[in-house]
Amino acid sequence: MDNKLFKLQENVTYYEWKYNTCHKFWKKEYFDEIKKAKAKLKEYKSKHYPEMLKQNLLTQPKPFLRMNDWTENYENYERIS
């Protein structure tokens, strides 16, 4: 990662921290700053690191398996042994 990307990410984190710790009077201003910082970060990523914008699932969801079917395998194993 280059330095500019790191600074943009830190900028987003900083404004999120400021939003979470500020008085309710300033919430809207910091929320606007968060949106601007995220937009700048997304623009930079789309130009220089487009692979970071892809959202891949790390694991594919497994099909649902009822508990009865799951424990039946162990019951059958006990009978065979």
Protein backbone atom coordinates (compact mmCIF):
# COMPACT_ATOMS: atom_id res chain seq x y z
CA MET A 1 0.00 0.00 0.00
CA ASP A 2 1.22 3.43 -0.73
CA ASN A 3 1.34 6.37 1.63
CA LYS A 4 -1.55 8.30 0.09
CA LEU A 5 -3.94 5.35 0.41
CA PHE A 6 -2.93 4.94 4.05
CA LYS A 7 -3.53 8.64 4.73
CA LEU A 8 -6.97 8.53 3.10
CA GLN A 9 -7.94 5.51 5.20
CA GLU A 10 -6.67 7.24 8.34
CA ASN A 11 -8.65 10.33 7.40
CA VAL A 12 -11.87 8.28 7.28
CA THR A 13 -11.03 6.67 10.62
CA TYR A 14 -10.28 10.07 12.16
CA TYR A 15 -13.60 11.57 11.11
CA GLU A 16 -15.48 8.50 12.33
CA TRP A 17 -13.77 8.88 15.70
CA LYS A 18 -14.62 12.58 15.79
CA TYR A 19 -18.24 11.78 14.90
CA ASN A 20 -18.51 9.21 17.70
CA THR A 21 -16.96 11.45 20.36
CA CYS A 22 -18.37 14.88 19.51
CA HIS A 23 -21.34 16.75 20.91
CA LYS A 24 -24.65 16.14 19.14
CA PHE A 25 -24.55 19.70 17.82
CA TRP A 26 -21.58 18.81 15.55
CA LYS A 27 -22.75 15.37 14.39
CA LYS A 28 -24.07 16.53 11.01
CA GLU A 29 -20.85 18.37 10.10
CA TYR A 30 -18.69 15.37 10.93
CA PHE A 31 -21.04 13.02 9.10
CA ASP A 32 -20.62 15.20 5.99
CA GLU A 33 -16.85 15.04 6.45
CA ILE A 34 -17.01 11.25 6.70
CA LYS A 35 -18.95 11.07 3.42
CA LYS A 36 -16.40 13.33 1.69
CA ALA A 37 -13.46 11.32 3.02
CA LYS A 38 -15.05 8.03 1.95
CA ALA A 39 -15.75 9.43 -1.51
CA LYS A 40 -12.11 10.51 -1.89
CA LEU A 41 -10.93 7.10 -0.71
CA LYS A 42 -13.25 5.28 -3.11
CA GLU A 43 -12.15 7.47 -6.01
CA TYR A 44 -8.49 6.82 -5.26
CA LYS A 45 -9.07 3.08 -4.94
CA SER A 46 -10.98 2.94 -8.21
CA LYS A 47 -8.09 4.59 -10.04
CA HIS A 48 -5.13 2.83 -8.45
CA TYR A 49 -6.44 -0.30 -6.70
CA PRO A 50 -9.62 -1.52 -8.46
CA GLU A 51 -9.16 -5.03 -7.03
CA MET A 52 -9.78 -3.64 -3.52
CA LEU A 53 -13.31 -2.58 -4.48
CA LYS A 54 -14.39 -6.09 -5.40
CA GLN A 55 -16.34 -7.69 -2.60
CA ASN A 56 -15.75 -11.42 -2.57
CA LEU A 57 -17.25 -13.85 -0.15
CA LEU A 58 -14.50 -15.70 1.64
CA THR A 59 -16.60 -18.81 1.93
CA GLN A 60 -19.65 -19.87 0.03
CA PRO A 61 -22.70 -20.48 2.18
CA LYS A 62 -23.33 -24.13 2.98
CA PRO A 63 -26.72 -25.65 2.28
CA PHE A 64 -28.97 -26.04 5.27
CA LEU A 65 -28.72 -29.43 6.97
CA ARG A 66 -31.27 -30.41 9.57
CA MET A 67 -29.95 -31.54 12.93
CA ASN A 68 -31.70 -34.91 12.53
CA ASP A 69 -29.77 -35.64 9.33
CA TRP A 70 -26.50 -34.50 10.85
CA THR A 71 -26.74 -36.67 13.97
CA GLU A 72 -27.97 -39.64 11.97
CA ASN A 73 -24.48 -40.06 10.52
CA TYR A 74 -23.10 -40.61 14.01
CA GLU A 75 -25.87 -43.04 14.90
CA ASN A 76 -25.13 -45.10 11.79
CA TYR A 77 -21.43 -45.05 12.60
CA GLU A 78 -22.10 -46.49 16.05
CA ARG A 79 -24.15 -49.33 14.59
CA ILE A 80 -21.48 -50.29 12.09
CA SER A 81 -18.65 -50.37 14.62
